[in-house]
Amino acid sequence: MRNVTQAALTARTAQLPEAFADRVPPDELIGLRSMAGGGEWGELLDLLLTVLVQTQAPVTATERDELRDILTAWDLPASQIADLAVER
């Protein structure tokens, strides 16, 4: 995500709840959608990663890499990425 505009980063981050809707518990999905609607990007990413790690929901290598890129673009730590259950 080099040289990504703020608008593009915001749009991609806002799409994350729907991208993972089938792997996130409904009550957490409500929170993720609310955070996306309010532009709470750091909180959204933190909750999404926490839920994915805790539930060991499968993610693809591409999804993992995209999450890492988004976190890096927001200057957020990406340490939880290593704990994701990546499909092989």
C-alpha atoms as a PDB file:
ATOM      1  CA  MET A   1       0.000   0.000   0.000  1.00  0.00           C
ATOM      2  CA  ARG A   2       2.788   2.392  -0.840  1.00  0.00           C
ATOM      3  CA  ASN A   3       1.807   5.917  -1.734  1.00  0.00           C
ATOM      4  CA  VAL A   4      -1.827   5.233  -0.916  1.00  0.00           C
ATOM      5  CA  THR A   5      -4.016   8.261  -0.429  1.00  0.00           C
ATOM      6  CA  GLN A   6      -5.773   8.880   2.858  1.00  0.00           C
ATOM      7  CA  ALA A   7      -9.109   8.472   1.084  1.00  0.00           C
ATOM      8  CA  ALA A   8      -8.108   5.093  -0.368  1.00  0.00           C
ATOM      9  CA  LEU A   9      -6.799   3.884   2.990  1.00  0.00           C
ATOM     10  CA  THR A  10      -9.973   5.015   4.724  1.00  0.00           C
ATOM     11  CA  ALA A  11     -12.151   3.294   2.118  1.00  0.00           C
ATOM     12  CA  ARG A  12     -10.218   0.019   2.337  1.00  0.00           C
ATOM     13  CA  THR A  13     -10.292   0.019   6.135  1.00  0.00           C
ATOM     14  CA  ALA A  14     -14.026   0.748   6.142  1.00  0.00           C
ATOM     15  CA  GLN A  15     -14.598  -2.381   4.020  1.00  0.00           C
ATOM     16  CA  LEU A  16     -12.912  -4.743   6.482  1.00  0.00           C
ATOM     17  CA  PRO A  17     -15.997  -5.566   8.602  1.00  0.00           C
ATOM     18  CA  GLU A  18     -17.825  -6.837   5.522  1.00  0.00           C
ATOM     19  CA  ALA A  19     -14.772  -8.678   4.222  1.00  0.00           C
ATOM     20  CA  PHE A  20     -14.624 -10.703   7.443  1.00  0.00           C
ATOM     21  CA  ALA A  21     -18.361 -10.761   8.263  1.00  0.00           C
ATOM     22  CA  ASP A  22     -18.592 -14.514   7.755  1.00  0.00           C
ATOM     23  CA  ARG A  23     -15.777 -15.150  10.269  1.00  0.00           C
ATOM     24  CA  VAL A  24     -16.625 -12.717  13.039  1.00  0.00           C
ATOM     25  CA  PRO A  25     -19.265 -13.339  15.732  1.00  0.00           C
ATOM     26  CA  PRO A  26     -22.411 -11.244  15.127  1.00  0.00           C
ATOM     27  CA  ASP A  27     -22.047  -9.150  18.289  1.00  0.00           C
ATOM     28  CA  GLU A  28     -18.463  -8.234  17.373  1.00  0.00           C
ATOM     29  CA  LEU A  29     -19.512  -7.486  13.794  1.00  0.00           C
ATOM     30  CA  ILE A  30     -21.979  -4.902  15.083  1.00  0.00           C
ATOM     31  CA  GLY A  31     -19.131  -3.182  16.926  1.00  0.00           C
ATOM     32  CA  LEU A  32     -16.850  -3.325  13.894  1.00  0.00           C
ATOM     33  CA  ARG A  33     -19.515  -1.792  11.677  1.00  0.00           C
ATOM     34  CA  SER A  34     -20.131   0.952  14.222  1.00  0.00           C
ATOM     35  CA  MET A  35     -16.419   1.754  14.400  1.00  0.00           C
ATOM     36  CA  ALA A  36     -16.224   1.836  10.592  1.00  0.00           C
ATOM     37  CA  GLY A  37     -19.181   4.224  10.474  1.00  0.00           C
ATOM     38  CA  GLY A  38     -17.524   6.485  13.006  1.00  0.00           C
ATOM     39  CA  GLY A  39     -14.077   6.431  11.443  1.00  0.00           C
ATOM     40  CA  GLU A  40     -12.535   4.739  14.467  1.00  0.00           C
ATOM     41  CA  TRP A  41      -9.857   2.988  12.397  1.00  0.00           C
ATOM     42  CA  GLY A  42      -7.420   2.050  15.135  1.00  0.00           C
ATOM     43  CA  GLU A  43     -10.154   0.592  17.318  1.00  0.00           C
ATOM     44  CA  LEU A  44     -11.663  -1.264  14.358  1.00  0.00           C
ATOM     45  CA  LEU A  45      -8.339  -2.852  13.436  1.00  0.00           C
ATOM     46  CA  ASP A  46      -7.544  -3.744  17.040  1.00  0.00           C
ATOM     47  CA  LEU A  47     -10.921  -5.418  17.587  1.00  0.00           C
ATOM     48  CA  LEU A  48     -10.841  -7.216  14.238  1.00  0.00           C
ATOM     49  CA  LEU A  49      -7.403  -8.666  14.873  1.00  0.00           C
ATOM     50  CA  THR A  50      -8.268  -9.607  18.443  1.00  0.00           C
ATOM     51  CA  VAL A  51     -11.401 -11.452  17.340  1.00  0.00           C
ATOM     52  CA  LEU A  52      -9.662 -13.215  14.441  1.00  0.00           C
ATOM     53  CA  VAL A  53      -6.834 -14.367  16.716  1.00  0.00           C
ATOM     54  CA  GLN A  54      -9.106 -15.435  19.585  1.00  0.00           C
ATOM     55  CA  THR A  55     -11.468 -17.395  17.364  1.00  0.00           C
ATOM     56  CA  GLN A  56      -8.664 -18.685  15.137  1.00  0.00           C
ATOM     57  CA  ALA A  57     -10.828 -17.804  12.148  1.00  0.00           C
ATOM     58  CA  PRO A  58      -9.024 -18.728   8.945  1.00  0.00           C
ATOM     59  CA  VAL A  59      -7.577 -15.958   6.817  1.00  0.00           C
ATOM     60  CA  THR A  60      -5.800 -16.238   3.507  1.00  0.00           C
ATOM     61  CA  ALA A  61      -2.195 -15.204   3.076  1.00  0.00           C
ATOM     62  CA  THR A  62      -3.450 -12.352   0.892  1.00  0.00           C
ATOM     63  CA  GLU A  63      -5.818 -11.152   3.641  1.00  0.00           C
ATOM     64  CA  ARG A  64      -3.017 -11.366   6.207  1.00  0.00           C
ATOM     65  CA  ASP A  65      -0.718  -9.326   3.997  1.00  0.00           C
ATOM     66  CA  GLU A  66      -3.418  -6.749   3.351  1.00  0.00           C
ATOM     67  CA  LEU A  67      -4.124  -6.397   7.069  1.00  0.00           C
ATOM     68  CA  ARG A  68      -0.399  -5.907   7.681  1.00  0.00           C
ATOM     69  CA  ASP A  69      -0.243  -3.274   4.940  1.00  0.00           C
ATOM     70  CA  ILE A  70      -3.265  -1.424   6.336  1.00  0.00           C
ATOM     71  CA  LEU A  71      -1.868  -1.441   9.871  1.00  0.00           C
ATOM     72  CA  THR A  72       1.469  -0.168   8.608  1.00  0.00           C
ATOM     73  CA  ALA A  73      -0.203   2.559   6.555  1.00  0.00           C
ATOM     74  CA  TRP A  74      -2.009   3.764   9.699  1.00  0.00           C
ATOM     75  CA  ASP A  75       1.288   3.564  11.662  1.00  0.00           C
ATOM     76  CA  LEU A  76      -0.230   0.940  13.959  1.00  0.00           C
ATOM     77  CA  PRO A  77       1.584  -2.086  15.397  1.00  0.00           C
ATOM     78  CA  ALA A  78       1.199  -5.287  13.403  1.00  0.00           C
ATOM     79  CA  SER A  79       2.398  -7.762  16.032  1.00  0.00           C
ATOM     80  CA  GLN A  80      -0.901  -9.696  16.139  1.00  0.00           C
ATOM     81  CA  ILE A  81      -0.551 -10.568  12.465  1.00  0.00           C
ATOM     82  CA  ALA A  82       1.797 -13.392  13.417  1.00  0.00           C
ATOM     83  CA  ASP A  83      -0.968 -14.989  15.513  1.00  0.00           C
ATOM     84  CA  LEU A  84      -3.544 -15.195  12.720  1.00  0.00           C
ATOM     85  CA  ALA A  85      -4.668 -18.636  11.517  1.00  0.00           C
ATOM     86  CA  VAL A  86      -3.462 -18.436   7.921  1.00  0.00           C
ATOM     87  CA  GLU A  87      -4.866 -21.050   5.547  1.00  0.00           C
ATOM     88  CA  ARG A  88      -2.299 -23.190   3.830  1.00  0.00           C
END
